[in-house]
């Protein structure tokens, strides 16, 4: 019986078109679809081969991925909310890799205060931006502060133009993808040349 004759509750799913593509290409096709009840499915269409290796139709399977779709939407919403809060903050915020000391993310106000664009700032080392007295490794200072549950330190940063500004740097270490990351947040307190 032709597949076009089957009635479905699938939204915007042209089974006839997808089936013909699989028969023409002899490849498996995977499509995420929704039903009119709101459920989400992963539809897989593959050529049906007989024991004699002759194509004799199609097999179509549906995997219910509704929970996964709900979780993905919640994750996207969470990421969007994080990004908005991160960018709207009146504080400069860096995320620093706690092992290498590389800046892995910075919000817009950080770019504005430091004079670097995003590409110039990301992957720059913490020590390239913050003025560390006695040639102390800045990332070591951040690790000690965080390890001792101390929340802030007085420190200076140097803008791209060479202006030095004193700040109170607040730090917190978190784990992202099993890697320690230090969140650094500050507001400028004064500047001098």
C-alpha atoms as a PDB file:
ATOM      1  CA  UNK A   1       0.000   0.000   0.000  1.00  0.00           C
ATOM      2  CA  UNK A   2       1.460   3.474  -0.838  1.00  0.00           C
ATOM      3  CA  UNK A   3       2.748   5.340   2.195  1.00  0.00           C
ATOM      4  CA  UNK A   4       0.823   8.450   1.157  1.00  0.00           C
ATOM      5  CA  UNK A   5      -2.371   6.581   2.041  1.00  0.00           C
ATOM      6  CA  UNK A   6      -1.465   6.360   5.739  1.00  0.00           C
ATOM      7  CA  UNK A   7      -3.067   8.952   7.994  1.00  0.00           C
ATOM      8  CA  UNK A   8      -0.768  10.303  10.708  1.00  0.00           C
ATOM      9  CA  UNK A   9      -0.914  12.754  13.559  1.00  0.00           C
ATOM     10  CA  UNK A  10       2.566  14.018  12.667  1.00  0.00           C
ATOM     11  CA  UNK A  11       3.009  17.743  12.100  1.00  0.00           C
ATOM     12  CA  UNK A  12       4.673  18.903   8.853  1.00  0.00           C
ATOM     13  CA  UNK A  13       5.936  15.415   8.073  1.00  0.00           C
ATOM     14  CA  UNK A  14       5.823  14.429   4.424  1.00  0.00           C
ATOM     15  CA  UNK A  15       6.297  10.666   4.744  1.00  0.00           C
ATOM     16  CA  UNK A  16       5.941  10.196   0.998  1.00  0.00           C
ATOM     17  CA  UNK A  17       8.741  12.667   0.205  1.00  0.00           C
ATOM     18  CA  UNK A  18      11.095  11.307   2.875  1.00  0.00           C
ATOM     19  CA  UNK A  19      10.385   7.718   1.839  1.00  0.00           C
ATOM     20  CA  UNK A  20      11.118   8.473  -1.804  1.00  0.00           C
ATOM     21  CA  UNK A  21      14.435  10.131  -0.835  1.00  0.00           C
ATOM     22  CA  UNK A  22      15.464   6.977   1.047  1.00  0.00           C
ATOM     23  CA  UNK A  23      14.514   4.762  -1.883  1.00  0.00           C
ATOM     24  CA  UNK A  24      16.396   7.026  -4.315  1.00  0.00           C
ATOM     25  CA  UNK A  25      19.553   7.338  -2.183  1.00  0.00           C
ATOM     26  CA  UNK A  26      19.382   3.971  -0.370  1.00  0.00           C
ATOM     27  CA  UNK A  27      20.542   5.723   2.809  1.00  0.00           C
ATOM     28  CA  UNK A  28      19.015   5.920   6.263  1.00  0.00           C
ATOM     29  CA  UNK A  29      17.146   9.161   7.001  1.00  0.00           C
ATOM     30  CA  UNK A  30      16.648  10.458  10.561  1.00  0.00           C
ATOM     31  CA  UNK A  31      14.196  13.293  11.160  1.00  0.00           C
ATOM     32  CA  UNK A  32      13.019  14.882  14.410  1.00  0.00           C
ATOM     33  CA  UNK A  33       9.271  15.362  14.243  1.00  0.00           C
ATOM     34  CA  UNK A  34       6.336  16.307  16.449  1.00  0.00           C
ATOM     35  CA  UNK A  35       2.840  14.943  16.718  1.00  0.00           C
ATOM     36  CA  UNK A  36      -0.285  17.009  17.128  1.00  0.00           C
ATOM     37  CA  UNK A  37      -0.365  15.860  20.780  1.00  0.00           C
ATOM     38  CA  UNK A  38       2.972  17.628  21.415  1.00  0.00           C
ATOM     39  CA  UNK A  39       5.105  14.479  21.605  1.00  0.00           C
ATOM     40  CA  UNK A  40       8.508  14.502  19.891  1.00  0.00           C
ATOM     41  CA  UNK A  41       9.912  11.573  17.934  1.00  0.00           C
ATOM     42  CA  UNK A  42      13.036  10.598  16.093  1.00  0.00           C
ATOM     43  CA  UNK A  43      11.783   8.990  12.900  1.00  0.00           C
ATOM     44  CA  UNK A  44      14.199   6.664  11.117  1.00  0.00           C
ATOM     45  CA  UNK A  45      13.481   5.528   7.589  1.00  0.00           C
ATOM     46  CA  UNK A  46      15.712   2.885   6.042  1.00  0.00           C
ATOM     47  CA  UNK A  47      15.549   0.679   2.988  1.00  0.00           C
ATOM     48  CA  UNK A  48      14.211  -2.819   3.663  1.00  0.00           C
ATOM     49  CA  UNK A  49      16.500  -5.472   2.198  1.00  0.00           C
ATOM     50  CA  UNK A  50      15.404  -9.037   1.673  1.00  0.00           C
ATOM     51  CA  UNK A  51      17.615 -12.034   2.413  1.00  0.00           C
ATOM     52  CA  UNK A  52      18.677 -11.849  -1.271  1.00  0.00           C
ATOM     53  CA  UNK A  53      19.854  -8.240  -0.716  1.00  0.00           C
ATOM     54  CA  UNK A  54      17.006  -6.823  -2.809  1.00  0.00           C
ATOM     55  CA  UNK A  55      15.332  -3.555  -1.760  1.00  0.00           C
ATOM     56  CA  UNK A  56      11.714  -4.466  -1.109  1.00  0.00           C
ATOM     57  CA  UNK A  57      10.281  -1.433   0.653  1.00  0.00           C
ATOM     58  CA  UNK A  58      11.105   0.586   3.746  1.00  0.00           C
ATOM     59  CA  UNK A  59      11.159   0.240   7.496  1.00  0.00           C
ATOM     60  CA  UNK A  60      10.076   3.244   9.526  1.00  0.00           C
ATOM     61  CA  UNK A  61      10.669   3.413  13.260  1.00  0.00           C
ATOM     62  CA  UNK A  62       9.713   6.074  15.782  1.00  0.00           C
ATOM     63  CA  UNK A  63      11.652   6.700  18.980  1.00  0.00           C
ATOM     64  CA  UNK A  64       9.909   8.828  21.589  1.00  0.00           C
ATOM     65  CA  UNK A  65      12.316  11.665  22.425  1.00  0.00           C
ATOM     66  CA  UNK A  66       9.794  13.905  24.173  1.00  0.00           C
ATOM     67  CA  UNK A  67      11.722  13.966  27.480  1.00  0.00           C
ATOM     68  CA  UNK A  68      14.984  14.692  25.675  1.00  0.00           C
ATOM     69  CA  UNK A  69      13.308  17.522  23.734  1.00  0.00           C
ATOM     70  CA  UNK A  70      11.938  19.005  26.973  1.00  0.00           C
ATOM     71  CA  UNK A  71      15.377  18.801  28.601  1.00  0.00           C
ATOM     72  CA  UNK A  72      17.034  20.354  25.547  1.00  0.00           C
ATOM     73  CA  UNK A  73      14.562  23.240  25.616  1.00  0.00           C
ATOM     74  CA  UNK A  74      15.187  23.767  29.343  1.00  0.00           C
ATOM     75  CA  UNK A  75      18.944  23.756  28.686  1.00  0.00           C
ATOM     76  CA  UNK A  76      18.571  26.302  25.876  1.00  0.00           C
ATOM     77  CA  UNK A  77      16.433  28.506  28.133  1.00  0.00           C
ATOM     78  CA  UNK A  78      19.005  28.234  30.918  1.00  0.00           C
ATOM     79  CA  UNK A  79      21.869  29.114  28.560  1.00  0.00           C
ATOM     80  CA  UNK A  80      19.911  32.083  27.210  1.00  0.00           C
ATOM     81  CA  UNK A  81      19.133  33.316  30.735  1.00  0.00           C
ATOM     82  CA  UNK A  82      22.804  32.902  31.801  1.00  0.00           C
ATOM     83  CA  UNK A  83      24.007  34.815  28.732  1.00  0.00           C
ATOM     84  CA  UNK A  84      21.588  37.697  29.338  1.00  0.00           C
ATOM     85  CA  UNK A  85      22.538  38.008  33.023  1.00  0.00           C
ATOM     86  CA  UNK A  86      26.234  37.686  32.163  1.00  0.00           C
ATOM     87  CA  UNK A  87      26.084  40.435  29.540  1.00  0.00           C
ATOM     88  CA  UNK A  88      23.757  42.779  31.471  1.00  0.00           C
ATOM     89  CA  UNK A  89      25.860  42.773  34.639  1.00  0.00           C
ATOM     90  CA  UNK A  90      27.341  46.140  35.606  1.00  0.00           C
ATOM     91  CA  UNK A  91      30.401  44.224  36.856  1.00  0.00           C
ATOM     92  CA  UNK A  92      33.164  42.999  34.612  1.00  0.00           C
ATOM     93  CA  UNK A  93      33.115  39.212  34.604  1.00  0.00           C
ATOM     94  CA  UNK A  94      35.795  36.765  33.431  1.00  0.00           C
ATOM     95  CA  UNK A  95      35.811  33.007  33.437  1.00  0.00           C
ATOM     96  CA  UNK A  96      39.389  31.796  33.847  1.00  0.00           C
ATOM     97  CA  UNK A  97      40.649  28.241  33.359  1.00  0.00           C
ATOM     98  CA  UNK A  98      42.026  27.404  36.817  1.00  0.00           C
ATOM     99  CA  UNK A  99      44.765  25.184  35.395  1.00  0.00           C
ATOM    100  CA  UNK A 100      46.174  27.224  32.503  1.00  0.00           C
ATOM    101  CA  UNK A 101      45.157  30.726  33.607  1.00  0.00           C
ATOM    102  CA  UNK A 102      43.599  31.410  30.195  1.00  0.00           C
ATOM    103  CA  UNK A 103      40.563  33.679  30.029  1.00  0.00           C
ATOM    104  CA  UNK A 104      37.833  31.526  28.501  1.00  0.00           C
ATOM    105  CA  UNK A 105      34.976  34.029  28.517  1.00  0.00           C
ATOM    106  CA  UNK A 106      34.411  37.691  29.339  1.00  0.00           C
ATOM    107  CA  UNK A 107      31.320  39.862  29.273  1.00  0.00           C
ATOM    108  CA  UNK A 108      30.895  43.027  27.200  1.00  0.00           C
ATOM    109  CA  UNK A 109      31.732  45.442  30.008  1.00  0.00           C
ATOM    110  CA  UNK A 110      35.083  43.654  30.403  1.00  0.00           C
ATOM    111  CA  UNK A 111      35.829  44.293  26.742  1.00  0.00           C
ATOM    112  CA  UNK A 112      34.823  47.937  27.103  1.00  0.00           C
ATOM    113  CA  UNK A 113      36.939  48.559  30.231  1.00  0.00           C
ATOM    114  CA  UNK A 114      40.007  46.738  28.956  1.00  0.00           C
ATOM    115  CA  UNK A 115      39.833  47.959  25.353  1.00  0.00           C
ATOM    116  CA  UNK A 116      40.114  44.479  23.855  1.00  0.00           C
ATOM    117  CA  UNK A 117      37.590  42.898  21.519  1.00  0.00           C
ATOM    118  CA  UNK A 118      36.338  39.390  22.338  1.00  0.00           C
ATOM    119  CA  UNK A 119      38.890  37.643  20.096  1.00  0.00           C
ATOM    120  CA  UNK A 120      41.773  39.609  21.616  1.00  0.00           C
ATOM    121  CA  UNK A 121      40.702  38.945  25.187  1.00  0.00           C
ATOM    122  CA  UNK A 122      39.625  35.310  25.119  1.00  0.00           C
ATOM    123  CA  UNK A 123      42.597  32.936  25.448  1.00  0.00           C
ATOM    124  CA  UNK A 124      44.763  35.743  26.813  1.00  0.00           C
ATOM    125  CA  UNK A 125      46.356  34.752  30.114  1.00  0.00           C
ATOM    126  CA  UNK A 126      45.103  36.246  33.385  1.00  0.00           C
ATOM    127  CA  UNK A 127      48.649  37.530  34.000  1.00  0.00           C
ATOM    128  CA  UNK A 128      48.508  39.477  30.702  1.00  0.00           C
ATOM    129  CA  UNK A 129      45.652  41.595  32.020  1.00  0.00           C
ATOM    130  CA  UNK A 130      46.176  41.852  35.774  1.00  0.00           C
ATOM    131  CA  UNK A 131      49.191  43.571  37.296  1.00  0.00           C
ATOM    132  CA  UNK A 132      50.765  41.178  39.741  1.00  0.00           C
ATOM    133  CA  UNK A 133      53.335  42.535  42.197  1.00  0.00           C
ATOM    134  CA  UNK A 134      56.628  40.704  42.831  1.00  0.00           C
ATOM    135  CA  UNK A 135      56.160  38.732  39.583  1.00  0.00           C
ATOM    136  CA  UNK A 136      53.781  36.399  41.370  1.00  0.00           C
ATOM    137  CA  UNK A 137      51.725  34.140  39.119  1.00  0.00           C
ATOM    138  CA  UNK A 138      48.212  35.616  39.143  1.00  0.00           C
ATOM    139  CA  UNK A 139      46.479  32.303  38.667  1.00  0.00           C
ATOM    140  CA  UNK A 140      48.257  30.988  41.792  1.00  0.00           C
ATOM    141  CA  UNK A 141      46.849  33.957  43.719  1.00  0.00           C
ATOM    142  CA  UNK A 142      43.345  33.198  42.425  1.00  0.00           C
ATOM    143  CA  UNK A 143      43.670  29.542  43.387  1.00  0.00           C
ATOM    144  CA  UNK A 144      44.832  30.441  46.932  1.00  0.00           C
ATOM    145  CA  UNK A 145      42.010  32.937  47.405  1.00  0.00           C
ATOM    146  CA  UNK A 146      39.452  30.436  46.221  1.00  0.00           C
ATOM    147  CA  UNK A 147      40.950  27.546  48.212  1.00  0.00           C
ATOM    148  CA  UNK A 148      40.887  29.619  51.414  1.00  0.00           C
ATOM    149  CA  UNK A 149      37.252  30.600  50.788  1.00  0.00           C
ATOM    150  CA  UNK A 150      38.356  34.214  50.682  1.00  0.00           C
ATOM    151  CA  UNK A 151      35.986  36.043  48.393  1.00  0.00           C
ATOM    152  CA  UNK A 152      37.973  39.070  47.208  1.00  0.00           C
ATOM    153  CA  UNK A 153      41.364  40.679  46.720  1.00  0.00           C
ATOM    154  CA  UNK A 154      42.612  44.171  45.883  1.00  0.00           C
ATOM    155  CA  UNK A 155      44.423  44.008  42.547  1.00  0.00           C
ATOM    156  CA  UNK A 156      45.094  46.155  39.473  1.00  0.00           C
ATOM    157  CA  UNK A 157      44.426  45.502  35.825  1.00  0.00           C
ATOM    158  CA  UNK A 158      46.092  47.047  32.800  1.00  0.00           C
ATOM    159  CA  UNK A 159      43.998  48.110  29.813  1.00  0.00           C
ATOM    160  CA  UNK A 160      45.130  47.631  26.226  1.00  0.00           C
ATOM    161  CA  UNK A 161      46.140  51.333  26.189  1.00  0.00           C
ATOM    162  CA  UNK A 162      48.298  50.862  29.307  1.00  0.00           C
ATOM    163  CA  UNK A 163      45.980  52.504  31.848  1.00  0.00           C
ATOM    164  CA  UNK A 164      46.213  50.821  35.240  1.00  0.00           C
ATOM    165  CA  UNK A 165      43.084  50.558  37.383  1.00  0.00           C
ATOM    166  CA  UNK A 166      42.706  49.285  40.929  1.00  0.00           C
ATOM    167  CA  UNK A 167      39.833  46.931  41.534  1.00  0.00           C
ATOM    168  CA  UNK A 168      38.397  44.666  44.171  1.00  0.00           C
ATOM    169  CA  UNK A 169      38.362  41.292  42.470  1.00  0.00           C
ATOM    170  CA  UNK A 170      35.782  38.780  43.674  1.00  0.00           C
ATOM    171  CA  UNK A 171      36.501  35.151  42.847  1.00  0.00           C
ATOM    172  CA  UNK A 172      34.751  31.807  43.058  1.00  0.00           C
ATOM    173  CA  UNK A 173      35.867  28.448  41.718  1.00  0.00           C
ATOM    174  CA  UNK A 174      33.295  26.206  40.078  1.00  0.00           C
ATOM    175  CA  UNK A 175      33.528  22.963  38.133  1.00  0.00           C
ATOM    176  CA  UNK A 176      32.419  22.972  34.481  1.00  0.00           C
ATOM    177  CA  UNK A 177      32.707  19.739  32.490  1.00  0.00           C
ATOM    178  CA  UNK A 178      34.941  18.313  35.254  1.00  0.00           C
ATOM    179  CA  UNK A 179      37.368  21.244  34.935  1.00  0.00           C
ATOM    180  CA  UNK A 180      37.950  23.934  37.577  1.00  0.00           C
ATOM    181  CA  UNK A 181      36.983  27.404  36.365  1.00  0.00           C
ATOM    182  CA  UNK A 182      37.452  30.607  38.345  1.00  0.00           C
ATOM    183  CA  UNK A 183      34.759  33.261  38.051  1.00  0.00           C
ATOM    184  CA  UNK A 184      36.280  36.724  38.447  1.00  0.00           C
ATOM    185  CA  UNK A 185      34.081  39.777  38.929  1.00  0.00           C
ATOM    186  CA  UNK A 186      35.078  43.375  39.598  1.00  0.00           C
ATOM    187  CA  UNK A 187      34.241  47.047  39.392  1.00  0.00           C
ATOM    188  CA  UNK A 188      36.845  49.764  38.925  1.00  0.00           C
ATOM    189  CA  UNK A 189      37.643  51.660  42.123  1.00  0.00           C
ATOM    190  CA  UNK A 190      40.238  54.179  40.838  1.00  0.00           C
ATOM    191  CA  UNK A 191      42.693  54.680  38.016  1.00  0.00           C
ATOM    192  CA  UNK A 192      46.168  56.130  37.650  1.00  0.00           C
ATOM    193  CA  UNK A 193      48.795  56.223  34.882  1.00  0.00           C
END
